[in-house]
Amino acid sequence: MVHQKPAYSDYPVDYKVPDFGADHDMIAAASNIKGSEAKLGHKFTADFGATAAPVNPRGYTVPNFGIDRDIEASLKNLKDQESIHGNWNLPSL
């Protein structure tokens, strides 16, 4: 890909970047995955739960403390200003 150098730029562009290939950690990881797949007779697929339903095995819940004081104040201020100036309608995009 060729980039145009901006007129105001003093830094070099379009220089060569060497490709040394995969490093030894990447090669080792690929080899270990291949060996494990062969040993277990199962192909590793990684969707990292993107297709699974949410799981909550330990029953963790997020407490609901109601509306934050800052949000309550903002909503009150909006209501007060709308009672003076009318409804605040944002233009549609």
N, C-alpha and C. Protein backbone atom coordinates (compact mmCIF):
# COMPACT_ATOMS: atom_id res chain seq x y z
N MET A 1 0.85 -1.17 0.00
CA MET A 1 0.00 0.00 0.00
C MET A 1 0.89 1.24 0.00
N VAL A 2 0.61 2.14 -0.87
CA VAL A 2 1.41 3.36 -0.98
C VAL A 2 0.66 4.50 -0.32
N HIS A 3 1.31 5.18 0.59
CA HIS A 3 0.72 6.31 1.29
C HIS A 3 1.28 7.61 0.70
N GLN A 4 0.42 8.58 0.62
CA GLN A 4 0.87 9.89 0.17
C GLN A 4 1.48 10.62 1.35
N LYS A 5 2.63 11.19 1.16
CA LYS A 5 3.30 11.95 2.22
C LYS A 5 2.69 13.34 2.27
N PRO A 6 2.15 13.74 3.43
CA PRO A 6 1.60 15.09 3.54
C PRO A 6 2.69 16.14 3.31
N ALA A 7 2.30 17.26 2.73
CA ALA A 7 3.26 18.32 2.40
C ALA A 7 3.97 18.84 3.65
N TYR A 8 3.28 18.82 4.78
CA TYR A 8 3.85 19.37 6.02
C TYR A 8 4.69 18.36 6.78
N SER A 9 4.79 17.13 6.28
CA SER A 9 5.45 16.05 7.01
C SER A 9 6.96 16.03 6.78
N ASP A 10 7.71 15.84 7.86
CA ASP A 10 9.16 15.70 7.77
C ASP A 10 9.62 14.27 8.06
N TYR A 11 8.67 13.38 8.38
CA TYR A 11 9.07 12.02 8.70
C TYR A 11 9.01 11.15 7.44
N PRO A 12 9.83 10.09 7.39
CA PRO A 12 9.87 9.25 6.20
C PRO A 12 8.64 8.34 6.11
N VAL A 13 8.22 8.09 4.89
CA VAL A 13 7.12 7.15 4.65
C VAL A 13 7.54 6.17 3.56
N ASP A 14 6.75 5.13 3.37
CA ASP A 14 7.00 4.10 2.36
C ASP A 14 8.35 3.41 2.53
N TYR A 15 8.75 3.19 3.78
CA TYR A 15 9.99 2.47 4.04
C TYR A 15 9.70 0.98 4.16
N LYS A 16 10.68 0.16 3.94
CA LYS A 16 10.53 -1.29 4.00
C LYS A 16 10.51 -1.75 5.47
N VAL A 17 9.62 -2.70 5.74
CA VAL A 17 9.53 -3.31 7.06
C VAL A 17 9.88 -4.78 6.89
N PRO A 18 10.90 -5.26 7.58
CA PRO A 18 11.31 -6.66 7.40
C PRO A 18 10.29 -7.63 7.97
N ASP A 19 10.13 -8.77 7.33
CA ASP A 19 9.24 -9.82 7.79
C ASP A 19 10.10 -11.00 8.21
N PHE A 20 10.20 -11.23 9.50
CA PHE A 20 11.02 -12.32 10.02
C PHE A 20 10.20 -13.59 10.24
N GLY A 21 8.94 -13.58 9.84
CA GLY A 21 8.08 -14.75 10.01
C GLY A 21 7.56 -14.84 11.43
N ALA A 22 6.94 -15.97 11.72
CA ALA A 22 6.37 -16.21 13.04
C ALA A 22 7.49 -16.40 14.06
N ASP A 23 7.28 -15.87 15.26
CA ASP A 23 8.31 -16.05 16.29
C ASP A 23 8.16 -17.44 16.94
N HIS A 24 9.11 -17.80 17.76
CA HIS A 24 9.15 -19.16 18.32
C HIS A 24 7.96 -19.44 19.23
N ASP A 25 7.42 -18.44 19.90
CA ASP A 25 6.25 -18.67 20.75
C ASP A 25 5.01 -19.01 19.91
N MET A 26 4.84 -18.33 18.79
CA MET A 26 3.70 -18.63 17.91
C MET A 26 3.83 -20.03 17.32
N ILE A 27 5.03 -20.40 16.92
CA ILE A 27 5.26 -21.73 16.36
C ILE A 27 5.00 -22.80 17.42
N ALA A 28 5.49 -22.58 18.64
CA ALA A 28 5.28 -23.54 19.73
C ALA A 28 3.81 -23.67 20.08
N ALA A 29 3.08 -22.56 20.12
CA ALA A 29 1.65 -22.61 20.45
C ALA A 29 0.88 -23.39 19.39
N ALA A 30 1.17 -23.13 18.12
CA ALA A 30 0.50 -23.85 17.04
C ALA A 30 0.81 -25.34 17.11
N SER A 31 2.05 -25.69 17.42
CA SER A 31 2.45 -27.08 17.54
C SER A 31 1.73 -27.75 18.73
N ASN A 32 1.65 -27.05 19.84
CA ASN A 32 0.97 -27.60 21.02
C ASN A 32 -0.52 -27.80 20.77
N ILE A 33 -1.14 -26.87 20.08
CA ILE A 33 -2.57 -27.02 19.77
C ILE A 33 -2.77 -28.22 18.86
N LYS A 34 -1.93 -28.34 17.83
CA LYS A 34 -2.04 -29.46 16.89
C LYS A 34 -1.86 -30.80 17.63
N GLY A 35 -0.87 -30.88 18.53
CA GLY A 35 -0.64 -32.10 19.29
C GLY A 35 -1.79 -32.43 20.22
N SER A 36 -2.35 -31.42 20.87
CA SER A 36 -3.49 -31.65 21.77
C SER A 36 -4.72 -32.10 21.00
N GLU A 37 -4.95 -31.49 19.84
CA GLU A 37 -6.09 -31.90 19.02
C GLU A 37 -5.96 -33.36 18.60
N ALA A 38 -4.75 -33.76 18.22
CA ALA A 38 -4.53 -35.15 17.81
C ALA A 38 -4.73 -36.10 18.99
N LYS A 39 -4.21 -35.72 20.15
CA LYS A 39 -4.30 -36.57 21.34
C LYS A 39 -5.74 -36.73 21.82
N LEU A 40 -6.51 -35.63 21.76
CA LEU A 40 -7.88 -35.65 22.27
C LEU A 40 -8.91 -36.01 21.21
N GLY A 41 -8.50 -36.01 19.96
CA GLY A 41 -9.43 -36.33 18.88
C GLY A 41 -10.52 -35.28 18.73
N HIS A 42 -10.16 -34.05 18.99
CA HIS A 42 -11.14 -32.95 18.93
C HIS A 42 -10.48 -31.72 18.33
N LYS A 43 -11.17 -31.10 17.39
CA LYS A 43 -10.65 -29.88 16.76
C LYS A 43 -10.98 -28.69 17.64
N PHE A 44 -9.97 -27.91 17.98
CA PHE A 44 -10.13 -26.72 18.81
C PHE A 44 -10.79 -25.60 18.00
N THR A 45 -11.88 -25.08 18.51
CA THR A 45 -12.53 -23.92 17.90
C THR A 45 -12.69 -22.87 19.00
N ALA A 46 -12.43 -21.65 18.67
CA ALA A 46 -12.47 -20.60 19.67
C ALA A 46 -13.43 -19.50 19.24
N ASP A 47 -14.63 -19.51 19.82
CA ASP A 47 -15.53 -18.38 19.61
C ASP A 47 -15.62 -17.56 20.90
N PHE A 48 -14.94 -18.04 21.93
CA PHE A 48 -14.85 -17.37 23.22
C PHE A 48 -16.22 -16.98 23.77
N GLY A 49 -17.19 -17.87 23.55
CA GLY A 49 -18.52 -17.65 24.11
C GLY A 49 -19.39 -16.70 23.31
N ALA A 50 -18.94 -16.28 22.16
CA ALA A 50 -19.71 -15.31 21.38
C ALA A 50 -21.05 -15.89 20.94
N THR A 51 -21.13 -17.22 20.78
CA THR A 51 -22.38 -17.83 20.33
C THR A 51 -23.15 -18.47 21.47
N ALA A 52 -22.58 -18.50 22.65
CA ALA A 52 -23.23 -19.15 23.79
C ALA A 52 -24.08 -18.16 24.57
N ALA A 53 -25.09 -18.70 25.23
CA ALA A 53 -25.92 -17.86 26.10
C ALA A 53 -25.09 -17.47 27.32
N PRO A 54 -25.37 -16.32 27.93
CA PRO A 54 -24.62 -15.93 29.13
C PRO A 54 -24.77 -16.97 30.23
N VAL A 55 -23.67 -17.22 30.91
CA VAL A 55 -23.65 -18.23 31.98
C VAL A 55 -23.28 -17.54 33.29
N ASN A 56 -24.00 -17.88 34.34
CA ASN A 56 -23.74 -17.32 35.66
C ASN A 56 -23.69 -18.48 36.65
N PRO A 57 -22.60 -19.30 36.61
CA PRO A 57 -22.59 -20.53 37.40
C PRO A 57 -22.56 -20.31 38.91
N ARG A 58 -22.06 -19.20 39.37
CA ARG A 58 -21.96 -19.00 40.81
C ARG A 58 -23.06 -18.12 41.36
N GLY A 59 -23.96 -17.69 40.50
CA GLY A 59 -25.09 -16.90 40.97
C GLY A 59 -24.72 -15.48 41.34
N TYR A 60 -23.63 -14.95 40.75
CA TYR A 60 -23.27 -13.57 41.03
C TYR A 60 -24.37 -12.64 40.52
N THR A 61 -24.71 -11.67 41.29
CA THR A 61 -25.68 -10.68 40.86
C THR A 61 -25.10 -9.30 41.06
N VAL A 62 -25.61 -8.37 40.28
CA VAL A 62 -25.19 -6.99 40.42
C VAL A 62 -26.26 -6.27 41.21
N PRO A 63 -25.92 -5.70 42.35
CA PRO A 63 -26.94 -5.04 43.16
C PRO A 63 -27.52 -3.82 42.45
N ASN A 64 -28.80 -3.59 42.66
CA ASN A 64 -29.47 -2.45 42.07
C ASN A 64 -29.75 -1.46 43.21
N PHE A 65 -29.02 -0.38 43.23
CA PHE A 65 -29.19 0.64 44.25
C PHE A 65 -30.09 1.77 43.79
N GLY A 66 -30.76 1.58 42.66
CA GLY A 66 -31.64 2.61 42.14
C GLY A 66 -30.87 3.63 41.31
N ILE A 67 -31.55 4.71 40.98
CA ILE A 67 -30.95 5.74 40.14
C ILE A 67 -29.93 6.53 40.95
N ASP A 68 -28.81 6.79 40.32
CA ASP A 68 -27.73 7.58 40.92
C ASP A 68 -28.22 9.00 41.22
N ARG A 69 -27.68 9.61 42.27
CA ARG A 69 -28.08 10.98 42.63
C ARG A 69 -27.80 11.98 41.51
N ASP A 70 -26.70 11.79 40.79
CA ASP A 70 -26.37 12.71 39.70
C ASP A 70 -27.40 12.59 38.57
N ILE A 71 -27.84 11.37 38.28
CA ILE A 71 -28.86 11.17 37.25
C ILE A 71 -30.17 11.78 37.70
N GLU A 72 -30.53 11.57 38.96
CA GLU A 72 -31.76 12.18 39.48
C GLU A 72 -31.71 13.70 39.35
N ALA A 73 -30.58 14.30 39.69
CA ALA A 73 -30.43 15.75 39.59
C ALA A 73 -30.53 16.21 38.14
N SER A 74 -29.91 15.48 37.22
CA SER A 74 -29.96 15.83 35.80
C SER A 74 -31.38 15.76 35.27
N LEU A 75 -32.11 14.70 35.64
CA LEU A 75 -33.49 14.57 35.18
C LEU A 75 -34.38 15.67 35.75
N LYS A 76 -34.15 16.04 37.02
CA LYS A 76 -34.92 17.13 37.63
C LYS A 76 -34.62 18.45 36.92
N ASN A 77 -33.34 18.70 36.66
CA ASN A 77 -32.96 19.94 35.98
C ASN A 77 -33.53 20.00 34.57
N LEU A 78 -33.53 18.88 33.87
CA LEU A 78 -34.12 18.83 32.54
C LEU A 78 -35.61 19.14 32.61
N LYS A 79 -36.30 18.52 33.57
CA LYS A 79 -37.74 18.75 33.72
C LYS A 79 -38.03 20.21 34.05
N ASP A 80 -37.21 20.80 34.93
CA ASP A 80 -37.40 22.22 35.29
C ASP A 80 -37.22 23.12 34.06
N GLN A 81 -36.19 22.88 33.28
CA GLN A 81 -35.92 23.72 32.10
C GLN A 81 -36.97 23.51 31.01
N GLU A 82 -37.45 22.27 30.86
CA GLU A 82 -38.49 22.02 29.87
C GLU A 82 -39.81 22.67 30.26
N SER A 83 -40.05 22.82 31.57
CA SER A 83 -41.28 23.50 31.99
C SER A 83 -41.21 24.99 31.67
N ILE A 84 -40.00 25.54 31.57
CA ILE A 84 -39.82 26.96 31.23
C ILE A 84 -39.76 27.16 29.71
N HIS A 85 -38.93 26.34 29.02
CA HIS A 85 -38.60 26.57 27.61
C HIS A 85 -39.31 25.62 26.65
N GLY A 86 -40.04 24.65 27.14
CA GLY A 86 -40.67 23.64 26.28
C GLY A 86 -39.79 22.42 26.16
N ASN A 87 -40.35 21.40 25.50
CA ASN A 87 -39.61 20.13 25.37
C ASN A 87 -38.34 20.30 24.54
N TRP A 88 -37.33 19.58 24.93
CA TRP A 88 -36.06 19.59 24.23
C TRP A 88 -36.07 18.45 23.22
N ASN A 89 -36.22 18.78 21.95
CA ASN A 89 -36.28 17.77 20.90
C ASN A 89 -35.01 17.86 20.07
N LEU A 90 -34.24 16.78 20.08
CA LEU A 90 -33.02 16.73 19.28
C LEU A 90 -33.39 16.43 17.84
N PRO A 91 -32.69 17.04 16.88
CA PRO A 91 -32.97 16.73 15.48
C PRO A 91 -32.59 15.28 15.16
N SER A 92 -33.38 14.64 14.32
CA SER A 92 -33.06 13.28 13.92
C SER A 92 -31.90 13.28 12.95
N LEU A 93 -31.13 12.22 12.99
CA LEU A 93 -29.95 12.13 12.10
C LEU A 93 -30.32 11.57 10.77
